[in-house]
Amino acid sequence: MKYSVLVVDDDELVNEFLVETLQRSGYSVQTALSGEVGLEKFKADHFDIVLSDLKMPGMNGIELLEQIKRINNSVTFVLMTAFGTVETAVKAIKNGAHDFLLKPVLPETLELMLSRITEVLDLRSENEMLRKDVASKFQNIVGKSKPMQEMFDLVQTVANARSTVLVTGPSGTGKELIARALHHTSNRKDAPFIKLNCAALPESLVEAELFGYEKGAFTDARKTNRGRFERADGGTLLLDEISEMPLNLQSKLLRVIQEREFERVGSSTTISVDVRLVATTNRNLREYIEAGKFREDLYYRLNVIPIVLTPLKDRLEDVPLLCDHFIRKYAIENDKMITGITSSALKLLMKYKFPGNVRELENLIERAVVTGRGGQLTEDDFPTELAIGKLDESMAGMAVPMKLDDSNRYLILKTLEYCNWNKTRAAEVLGITTRTIRNKLAEYQTETEQDTQIQ
């Protein structure tokens, strides 16, 4: 894809040099000799990337950044600056600039940066197309990994079948979303989708909720009430956490599946229904069968079409797509101008094991979006527990037995390396003071000098 670049610099020679370099690399380029003219051109045309000088007469690069981000917060903005104003450029990044280039700009440096930007834009474009396609068919289920593509194919294949479906997988993998996707991609999509959480109700109420009841059937039954099966007639009934259904009701559920009829509590009148049944669980139902907690014949009736969801740790290639999806969602909900996530923050998430699966990732992104202050989410927007999780992996390389002083040294240096030698962040991760880290580094330096002298 050919991306468009707006170059804004008050030096005409710089503009000409940048145009030549960018066009040689395949970009579409326009120029402006002032911030004011650059802003007017941006309003009049579409640009994917803005490359602007920091110091210009009139409207400077920071002011131009602020104005452009108000118009289109997703545009990639790069500042060009002299060495003495690097601190200002760094502050600009916190306000939404993608990066900065030191002047004089070298062709190879510019080409490398734009190559990386293009990769991000390509991924964003691909994610957007996938997101729209998936959202239209699968109710915002996001993923492009092989397990997810296989699941999408299976859902489409069985969507119109009346056969029961059993969706299994760890907590947080989106089992209810799959049930809704089955309904919304089926020929029952215009009929009701009804849900019952088997673990959310007392055992005494589950039967009445499922099958309904007649007036006077029990205390407080002041009027006849239709149950979930009746309300789902013609559509889909989701039995969430099916493992928690009381054992005495499992035989009645088995009868409904087999005969497609039931009676309300307190009634002898048989009611026939046409319901597509979907059940979900994060339990091992075979273990429940062996323990006498679940009927084997009901299990086979439910498990006609099994859909097994893969944990997020086994499909980490979906993390960038999920991050993009959740950032967009919560930025809109919270009126925040956050358009993406830095590569270092994304690498941090890609190393995490996500015991809470997609739900945990969504919670992390929501919190980061709400508390984030820049145009992109950074490592600092995520809890230090993620860093500790990554450090746990690096600790696997430690040799045992090892002296305590050696292990402390290994851990401190590894943490500093992970934190890009940011002593404050490393101290936060380790739960010690910055002064302690400085003292330890001085001690390690002294040891190294002594070793050198001995040699």
Protein backbone atom coordinates (compact mmCIF):
# COMPACT_ATOMS: atom_id res chain seq x y z
CA MET A 1 0.00 0.00 0.00
CA LYS A 2 1.27 3.49 -0.93
CA TYR A 3 1.17 5.81 2.10
CA SER A 4 0.98 9.60 1.92
CA VAL A 5 3.39 11.88 3.80
CA LEU A 6 3.13 15.60 4.61
CA VAL A 7 6.55 17.24 5.16
CA VAL A 8 6.52 20.52 7.10
CA ASP A 9 9.80 22.47 7.37
CA ASP A 10 10.64 26.15 6.91
CA ASP A 11 13.91 25.22 5.15
CA GLU A 12 13.24 24.69 1.43
CA LEU A 13 16.42 22.64 0.93
CA VAL A 14 15.41 20.26 3.73
CA ASN A 15 12.00 19.88 2.12
CA GLU A 16 13.52 19.04 -1.26
CA PHE A 17 15.88 16.48 0.29
CA LEU A 18 13.05 14.78 2.20
CA VAL A 19 10.78 14.70 -0.84
CA GLU A 20 13.47 13.05 -2.94
CA THR A 21 14.22 10.45 -0.25
CA LEU A 22 10.55 9.65 0.41
CA GLN A 23 9.53 9.43 -3.23
CA ARG A 24 12.45 7.10 -3.90
CA SER A 25 11.05 4.84 -1.18
CA GLY A 26 7.60 4.83 -2.79
CA TYR A 27 5.71 7.36 -0.68
CA SER A 28 3.31 10.03 -1.94
CA VAL A 29 4.63 13.38 -0.63
CA GLN A 30 3.41 16.97 -0.21
CA THR A 31 5.33 19.80 1.49
CA ALA A 32 4.67 22.98 3.43
CA LEU A 33 7.11 25.74 4.45
CA SER A 34 5.26 26.64 7.66
CA GLY A 35 3.08 25.09 10.32
CA GLU A 36 0.09 27.20 9.25
CA VAL A 37 0.32 26.05 5.62
CA GLY A 38 0.89 22.47 6.76
CA LEU A 39 -2.27 22.57 8.86
CA GLU A 40 -4.35 23.88 5.92
CA LYS A 41 -2.99 21.14 3.65
CA PHE A 42 -3.78 18.52 6.29
CA LYS A 43 -7.36 19.77 6.54
CA ALA A 44 -7.76 19.68 2.76
CA ASP A 45 -6.28 16.25 2.05
CA HIS A 46 -5.62 12.83 3.60
CA PHE A 47 -2.17 12.02 5.02
CA ASP A 48 -1.04 8.88 6.83
CA ILE A 49 2.22 10.38 8.15
CA VAL A 50 3.26 13.92 9.08
CA LEU A 51 7.00 14.74 9.23
CA SER A 52 7.46 18.15 10.85
CA ASP A 53 10.30 20.34 12.06
CA LEU A 54 10.12 21.31 15.72
CA LYS A 55 11.35 24.90 15.52
CA MET A 56 9.61 27.05 12.90
CA PRO A 57 8.52 30.72 12.79
CA GLY A 58 4.89 31.12 13.78
CA MET A 59 3.29 27.75 14.50
CA ASN A 60 5.97 25.35 15.75
CA GLY A 61 5.98 21.57 15.53
CA ILE A 62 4.39 21.03 18.96
CA GLU A 63 1.49 23.35 18.15
CA LEU A 64 1.04 21.68 14.76
CA LEU A 65 0.99 18.28 16.48
CA GLU A 66 -1.78 19.42 18.84
CA GLN A 67 -3.89 20.85 16.00
CA ILE A 68 -3.48 17.80 13.75
CA LYS A 69 -4.27 15.33 16.53
CA ARG A 70 -7.55 17.18 17.15
CA ILE A 71 -8.49 16.57 13.52
CA ASN A 72 -7.24 12.99 13.21
CA ASN A 73 -5.82 11.34 16.29
CA SER A 74 -4.74 8.21 14.39
CA VAL A 75 -2.25 9.99 12.10
CA THR A 76 1.43 9.12 12.65
CA PHE A 77 3.35 12.30 13.58
CA VAL A 78 7.19 12.45 13.58
CA LEU A 79 9.16 15.49 14.79
CA MET A 80 12.55 16.56 13.45
CA THR A 81 14.70 18.31 16.00
CA ALA A 82 18.23 19.48 16.75
CA PHE A 83 20.15 17.78 19.56
CA GLY A 84 19.53 20.63 22.03
CA THR A 85 15.75 20.20 21.90
CA VAL A 86 15.58 16.42 22.33
CA GLU A 87 13.95 16.81 25.75
CA THR A 88 11.12 18.81 24.17
CA ALA A 89 10.69 16.13 21.50
CA VAL A 90 10.46 13.42 24.14
CA LYS A 91 7.69 15.38 25.86
CA ALA A 92 5.93 15.62 22.51
CA ILE A 93 5.90 11.83 22.25
CA LYS A 94 3.91 11.72 25.47
CA ASN A 95 1.41 14.05 23.82
CA GLY A 96 0.89 11.79 20.83
CA ALA A 97 3.96 12.08 18.58
CA HIS A 98 5.12 8.72 17.25
CA ASP A 99 8.86 9.45 17.39
CA PHE A 100 11.51 12.06 16.57
CA LEU A 101 14.49 12.37 14.22
CA LEU A 102 17.70 14.24 14.95
CA LYS A 103 18.82 16.81 12.41
CA PRO A 104 20.56 16.61 10.05
CA VAL A 105 18.35 13.69 8.98
CA LEU A 106 20.28 10.85 7.36
CA PRO A 107 18.51 9.09 4.45
CA GLU A 108 19.09 5.61 5.92
CA THR A 109 17.75 6.70 9.34
CA LEU A 110 14.62 8.19 7.76
CA GLU A 111 14.04 5.13 5.58
CA LEU A 112 14.45 2.77 8.55
CA MET A 113 11.98 4.73 10.69
CA LEU A 114 9.41 4.96 7.92
CA SER A 115 9.82 1.25 7.20
CA ARG A 116 8.88 0.53 10.81
CA ILE A 117 5.97 2.98 10.65
CA THR A 118 4.74 1.32 7.46
CA GLU A 119 4.78 -2.08 9.19
CA VAL A 120 2.57 -0.66 11.95
CA LEU A 121 0.22 0.97 9.42
CA ASP A 122 0.01 -2.26 7.43
CA LEU A 123 -0.83 -4.19 10.59
CA ARG A 124 -3.39 -1.58 11.62
CA SER A 125 -5.02 -1.76 8.18
CA GLU A 126 -5.05 -5.54 8.25
CA ASN A 127 -6.45 -5.56 11.79
CA GLU A 128 -9.19 -3.13 10.80
CA MET A 129 -10.28 -5.27 7.87
CA LEU A 130 -10.21 -8.40 9.98
CA ARG A 131 -12.02 -6.65 12.81
CA LYS A 132 -14.84 -5.50 10.53
CA ASP A 133 -15.14 -8.89 8.89
CA VAL A 134 -15.08 -10.79 12.16
CA ALA A 135 -17.35 -8.31 13.95
CA SER A 136 -20.00 -8.59 11.27
CA LYS A 137 -20.03 -12.39 11.41
CA PHE A 138 -18.96 -13.28 14.92
CA GLN A 139 -20.13 -10.50 17.23
CA ASN A 140 -16.68 -9.00 17.94
CA ILE A 141 -14.79 -12.26 18.48
CA VAL A 142 -11.24 -11.33 17.50
CA GLY A 143 -8.43 -13.60 16.32
CA LYS A 144 -6.47 -14.65 13.25
CA SER A 145 -4.47 -17.56 14.70
CA LYS A 146 -4.96 -21.06 13.29
CA PRO A 147 -7.08 -22.26 16.28
CA MET A 148 -9.38 -19.24 15.93
CA GLN A 149 -9.72 -19.62 12.16
CA GLU A 150 -10.60 -23.30 12.63
CA MET A 151 -13.18 -22.30 15.24
CA PHE A 152 -14.70 -19.66 12.91
CA ASP A 153 -14.95 -22.25 10.13
CA LEU A 154 -16.63 -24.75 12.46
CA VAL A 155 -19.15 -22.17 13.71
CA GLN A 156 -20.12 -21.29 10.13
CA THR A 157 -20.40 -24.96 9.18
CA VAL A 158 -22.71 -25.96 12.05
CA ALA A 159 -24.58 -22.66 12.52
CA ASN A 160 -27.84 -23.82 10.92
CA ALA A 161 -27.87 -27.30 12.47
CA ARG A 162 -30.30 -28.04 15.29
CA SER A 163 -27.76 -30.33 16.99
CA THR A 164 -26.67 -29.43 20.50
CA VAL A 165 -23.26 -27.78 20.94
CA LEU A 166 -20.91 -28.05 23.91
CA VAL A 167 -18.41 -25.19 24.16
CA THR A 168 -15.50 -25.90 26.51
CA GLY A 169 -12.42 -23.93 27.49
CA PRO A 170 -10.75 -22.12 30.40
CA SER A 171 -12.41 -19.12 32.04
CA GLY A 172 -12.04 -15.92 30.06
CA THR A 173 -11.74 -17.50 26.60
CA GLY A 174 -15.11 -16.18 25.37
CA LYS A 175 -17.40 -19.22 25.49
CA GLU A 176 -20.56 -17.11 25.69
CA LEU A 177 -19.40 -15.08 22.68
CA ILE A 178 -19.14 -18.30 20.68
CA ALA A 179 -22.67 -19.25 21.70
CA ARG A 180 -23.93 -15.86 20.54
CA ALA A 181 -21.97 -16.20 17.30
CA LEU A 182 -23.64 -19.56 16.64
CA HIS A 183 -27.02 -17.90 17.07
CA HIS A 184 -26.32 -14.75 15.05
CA THR A 185 -24.83 -16.65 12.09
CA SER A 186 -27.69 -19.16 12.01
CA ASN A 187 -31.13 -19.09 10.43
CA ARG A 188 -32.46 -18.52 13.97
CA LYS A 189 -30.82 -15.09 14.26
CA ASP A 190 -34.16 -13.24 14.21
CA ALA A 191 -35.57 -15.44 16.99
CA PRO A 192 -34.74 -15.09 20.73
CA PHE A 193 -31.34 -15.82 22.25
CA ILE A 194 -31.98 -16.78 25.89
CA LYS A 195 -29.35 -17.47 28.54
CA LEU A 196 -29.41 -19.25 31.90
CA ASN A 197 -26.36 -19.37 34.17
CA CYS A 198 -26.72 -22.66 36.01
CA ALA A 199 -24.35 -21.55 38.78
CA ALA A 200 -26.05 -18.23 39.46
CA LEU A 201 -29.34 -19.59 40.87
CA PRO A 202 -30.17 -21.65 43.97
CA GLU A 203 -30.91 -25.29 43.13
CA SER A 204 -34.58 -24.84 44.08
CA LEU A 205 -35.07 -22.13 41.42
CA VAL A 206 -33.28 -23.69 38.44
CA GLU A 207 -36.20 -25.96 37.47
CA ALA A 208 -38.73 -23.11 37.63
CA GLU A 209 -36.45 -20.86 35.57
CA LEU A 210 -35.88 -23.56 32.94
CA PHE A 211 -39.40 -24.89 32.52
CA GLY A 212 -41.59 -22.15 34.00
CA TYR A 213 -44.38 -22.64 36.52
CA GLU A 214 -48.15 -22.35 36.97
CA LYS A 215 -49.87 -19.94 39.30
CA GLY A 216 -49.99 -21.46 42.79
CA ALA A 217 -47.36 -24.13 42.00
CA PHE A 218 -45.43 -23.01 45.09
CA THR A 219 -45.34 -20.19 47.62
CA ASP A 220 -44.98 -16.78 45.90
CA ALA A 221 -46.08 -18.22 42.52
CA ARG A 222 -48.75 -15.54 42.13
CA LYS A 223 -48.97 -15.84 38.34
CA THR A 224 -48.06 -18.24 35.57
CA ASN A 225 -44.49 -17.76 34.35
CA ARG A 226 -42.91 -18.96 31.11
CA GLY A 227 -39.51 -20.61 31.54
CA ARG A 228 -36.35 -20.13 29.48
CA PHE A 229 -37.17 -23.02 27.14
CA GLU A 230 -40.53 -21.51 26.25
CA ARG A 231 -39.09 -18.04 25.76
CA ALA A 232 -36.35 -19.45 23.50
CA ASP A 233 -38.83 -21.26 21.22
CA GLY A 234 -37.63 -20.91 17.62
CA GLY A 235 -34.26 -19.58 18.79
CA THR A 236 -31.27 -20.55 20.91
CA LEU A 237 -30.96 -21.38 24.62
CA LEU A 238 -27.55 -21.02 26.26
CA LEU A 239 -26.98 -23.08 29.41
CA ASP A 240 -23.87 -21.45 30.86
CA GLU A 241 -21.76 -23.43 33.34
CA ILE A 242 -23.74 -26.61 32.64
CA SER A 243 -21.52 -28.57 35.07
CA GLU A 244 -23.32 -26.83 37.94
CA MET A 245 -26.81 -28.02 36.96
CA PRO A 246 -28.35 -30.01 39.85
CA LEU A 247 -28.15 -33.76 39.26
CA ASN A 248 -31.89 -34.28 39.79
CA LEU A 249 -32.68 -31.85 36.94
CA GLN A 250 -30.27 -33.42 34.47
CA SER A 251 -32.70 -36.24 33.66
CA LYS A 252 -35.46 -33.70 32.90
CA LEU A 253 -33.10 -31.75 30.65
CA LEU A 254 -32.19 -34.99 28.86
CA ARG A 255 -35.89 -35.61 28.17
CA VAL A 256 -36.36 -32.13 26.68
CA ILE A 257 -33.37 -32.67 24.37
CA GLN A 258 -34.69 -36.07 23.26
CA GLU A 259 -38.40 -35.35 22.98
CA ARG A 260 -38.44 -31.54 22.57
CA GLU A 261 -41.23 -31.20 25.13
CA PHE A 262 -41.70 -30.54 28.85
CA GLU A 263 -44.26 -29.47 31.48
CA ARG A 264 -44.21 -26.36 33.61
CA VAL A 265 -43.82 -26.84 37.36
CA GLY A 266 -47.29 -27.47 38.76
CA SER A 267 -48.82 -28.41 35.40
CA SER A 268 -49.56 -31.66 33.52
CA THR A 269 -49.89 -29.96 30.13
CA THR A 270 -47.08 -30.85 27.73
CA ILE A 271 -45.46 -27.98 25.83
CA SER A 272 -43.52 -28.63 22.61
CA VAL A 273 -40.61 -26.34 21.65
CA ASP A 274 -38.07 -25.92 18.85
CA VAL A 275 -34.91 -24.79 20.60
CA ARG A 276 -31.25 -24.97 19.59
CA LEU A 277 -29.35 -25.81 22.79
CA VAL A 278 -25.80 -24.59 23.46
CA ALA A 279 -24.02 -25.47 26.72
CA THR A 280 -20.73 -24.11 28.04
CA THR A 281 -18.35 -25.19 30.78
CA ASN A 282 -14.79 -24.66 31.99
CA ARG A 283 -14.87 -27.98 33.87
CA ASN A 284 -13.78 -31.43 32.80
CA LEU A 285 -17.18 -33.13 32.50
CA ARG A 286 -15.61 -36.59 32.22
CA GLU A 287 -14.16 -36.11 35.72
CA TYR A 288 -17.61 -34.97 36.90
CA ILE A 289 -19.11 -38.15 35.41
CA GLU A 290 -16.60 -40.33 37.25
CA ALA A 291 -17.37 -38.46 40.48
CA GLY A 292 -21.10 -39.04 40.01
CA LYS A 293 -21.84 -35.32 39.56
CA PHE A 294 -22.92 -35.44 35.92
CA ARG A 295 -24.96 -37.90 33.88
CA GLU A 296 -23.01 -39.67 31.17
CA ASP A 297 -26.02 -39.93 28.85
CA LEU A 298 -26.63 -36.17 29.13
CA TYR A 299 -22.97 -35.49 28.35
CA TYR A 300 -23.22 -37.39 25.06
CA ARG A 301 -26.46 -35.61 24.19
CA LEU A 302 -24.82 -32.23 24.76
CA ASN A 303 -21.50 -33.05 23.14
CA VAL A 304 -22.86 -33.75 19.64
CA ILE A 305 -20.84 -30.80 18.28
CA PRO A 306 -17.88 -30.01 20.56
CA ILE A 307 -16.15 -26.63 20.26
CA VAL A 308 -12.95 -26.39 22.31
CA LEU A 309 -11.51 -22.90 22.88
CA THR A 310 -7.73 -22.48 23.02
CA PRO A 311 -6.13 -20.55 25.94
CA LEU A 312 -4.65 -17.20 24.95
CA LYS A 313 -1.14 -18.34 25.94
CA ASP A 314 -1.32 -20.88 23.10
CA ARG A 315 -2.32 -18.31 20.46
CA LEU A 316 -0.25 -15.25 21.37
CA GLU A 317 -0.27 -14.13 17.72
CA ASP A 318 -3.81 -12.90 18.44
CA VAL A 319 -2.60 -10.48 21.15
CA PRO A 320 -1.79 -7.55 18.78
CA LEU A 321 -5.20 -7.84 17.12
CA LEU A 322 -6.96 -8.07 20.49
CA CYS A 323 -5.00 -5.06 21.82
CA ASP A 324 -6.01 -3.01 18.80
CA HIS A 325 -9.65 -4.05 19.25
CA PHE A 326 -9.80 -3.28 22.99
CA ILE A 327 -7.88 0.02 22.68
CA ARG A 328 -10.39 1.25 20.11
CA LYS A 329 -13.31 0.06 22.21
CA TYR A 330 -12.26 1.65 25.50
CA ALA A 331 -10.81 4.80 23.94
CA ILE A 332 -14.26 5.50 22.49
CA GLU A 333 -16.08 4.55 25.71
CA ASN A 334 -13.85 6.78 27.85
CA ASP A 335 -13.35 9.61 25.32
CA LYS A 336 -9.57 9.09 25.33
CA MET A 337 -7.28 9.99 22.41
CA ILE A 338 -5.26 6.78 22.50
CA THR A 339 -4.60 5.17 19.14
CA GLY A 340 -2.25 2.27 19.79
CA ILE A 341 0.43 0.59 21.85
CA THR A 342 4.23 0.91 21.69
CA SER A 343 6.27 -2.02 20.43
CA SER A 344 7.99 -2.44 23.82
CA ALA A 345 4.63 -2.60 25.64
CA LEU A 346 3.32 -5.08 23.09
CA LYS A 347 6.43 -7.24 23.56
CA LEU A 348 5.75 -7.18 27.31
CA LEU A 349 2.23 -8.51 26.76
CA MET A 350 3.44 -11.11 24.26
CA LYS A 351 5.70 -12.59 26.95
CA TYR A 352 2.90 -12.87 29.51
CA LYS A 353 1.06 -16.18 30.05
CA PHE A 354 -2.44 -14.69 30.65
CA PRO A 355 -3.90 -17.10 33.23
CA GLY A 356 -7.15 -15.12 32.89
CA ASN A 357 -7.07 -15.41 29.09
CA VAL A 358 -8.78 -12.81 26.84
CA ARG A 359 -10.80 -11.42 29.75
CA GLU A 360 -7.58 -10.61 31.62
CA LEU A 361 -6.07 -8.92 28.56
CA GLU A 362 -9.24 -6.87 28.12
CA ASN A 363 -9.11 -5.75 31.75
CA LEU A 364 -5.43 -4.77 31.40
CA ILE A 365 -6.13 -2.72 28.27
CA GLU A 366 -9.21 -1.05 29.77
CA ARG A 367 -7.26 0.02 32.86
CA ALA A 368 -4.32 1.22 30.75
CA VAL A 369 -6.60 3.26 28.47
CA VAL A 370 -8.41 4.86 31.41
CA THR A 371 -5.20 5.80 33.26
CA GLY A 372 -2.94 6.40 30.22
CA ARG A 373 -1.86 9.97 29.47
CA GLY A 374 -0.13 9.66 26.11
CA GLY A 375 -1.27 8.96 22.58
CA GLN A 376 -0.07 5.36 22.86
CA LEU A 377 -0.01 2.82 25.68
CA THR A 378 3.49 2.25 27.04
CA GLU A 379 5.07 -0.24 29.46
CA ASP A 380 4.47 2.22 32.29
CA ASP A 381 0.70 1.94 31.72
CA PHE A 382 0.73 -1.73 32.75
CA PRO A 383 1.23 -3.26 36.21
CA THR A 384 4.71 -4.34 37.27
CA GLU A 385 3.42 -7.91 37.74
CA LEU A 386 3.81 -8.37 33.99
CA ALA A 387 7.49 -7.53 34.22
CA ILE A 388 7.92 -9.91 37.15
CA GLY A 389 6.27 -12.64 35.06
CA LYS A 390 8.87 -12.11 32.36
CA LEU A 391 11.67 -12.13 34.91
CA ASP A 392 10.46 -15.49 36.20
CA GLU A 393 11.26 -16.94 32.78
CA SER A 394 14.79 -15.52 32.78
CA MET A 395 15.38 -16.95 36.27
CA ALA A 396 15.03 -20.43 34.77
CA GLY A 397 18.61 -20.05 33.53
CA MET A 398 20.05 -19.72 37.03
CA ALA A 399 22.27 -22.58 38.14
CA VAL A 400 21.47 -24.27 41.46
CA PRO A 401 23.20 -24.41 43.91
CA MET A 402 24.14 -20.73 43.82
CA LYS A 403 25.29 -18.33 46.51
CA LEU A 404 22.66 -15.85 47.71
CA ASP A 405 24.86 -12.86 46.79
CA ASP A 406 25.28 -14.24 43.26
CA SER A 407 21.55 -14.80 42.83
CA ASN A 408 20.79 -11.26 44.08
CA ARG A 409 23.31 -9.87 41.61
CA TYR A 410 21.83 -11.92 38.77
CA LEU A 411 18.29 -10.76 39.58
CA ILE A 412 19.20 -7.07 39.90
CA LEU A 413 21.15 -7.01 36.65
CA LYS A 414 18.49 -8.97 34.78
CA THR A 415 15.79 -6.61 36.05
CA LEU A 416 17.82 -3.56 35.01
CA GLU A 417 18.39 -5.10 31.60
CA TYR A 418 14.67 -5.74 31.20
CA CYS A 419 13.82 -2.18 32.32
CA ASN A 420 16.32 -0.70 29.82
CA TRP A 421 18.52 0.30 32.78
CA ASN A 422 15.83 2.55 34.21
CA LYS A 423 16.77 2.35 37.90
CA THR A 424 13.45 3.78 39.15
CA ARG A 425 11.34 1.21 37.29
CA ALA A 426 13.71 -1.62 38.23
CA ALA A 427 13.47 -0.63 41.89
CA GLU A 428 9.67 -0.66 41.63
CA VAL A 429 9.68 -4.14 40.09
CA LEU A 430 12.10 -5.50 42.72
CA GLY A 431 10.40 -3.78 45.64
CA ILE A 432 13.58 -2.00 46.77
CA THR A 433 14.77 1.61 46.77
CA THR A 434 16.65 3.29 43.94
CA ARG A 435 19.48 3.98 46.39
CA THR A 436 19.86 0.24 47.03
CA ILE A 437 20.24 -0.37 43.29
CA ARG A 438 22.87 2.39 43.01
CA ASN A 439 24.79 0.94 45.96
CA LYS A 440 24.67 -2.56 44.48
CA LEU A 441 25.88 -1.33 41.09
CA ALA A 442 28.78 0.47 42.75
CA GLU A 443 29.58 -2.73 44.65
CA TYR A 444 29.46 -4.83 41.45
CA GLN A 445 31.68 -2.30 39.67
CA THR A 446 34.24 -2.51 42.50
CA GLU A 447 34.21 -6.32 42.31
CA THR A 448 34.82 -6.18 38.55
CA GLU A 449 37.74 -3.80 38.98
CA GLN A 450 39.26 -6.07 41.65
CA ASP A 451 38.89 -9.11 39.38
CA THR A 452 40.62 -7.23 36.57
CA GLN A 453 43.52 -6.26 38.84
CA ILE A 454 43.96 -9.85 40.04
CA GLN A 455 44.12 -11.07 36.46
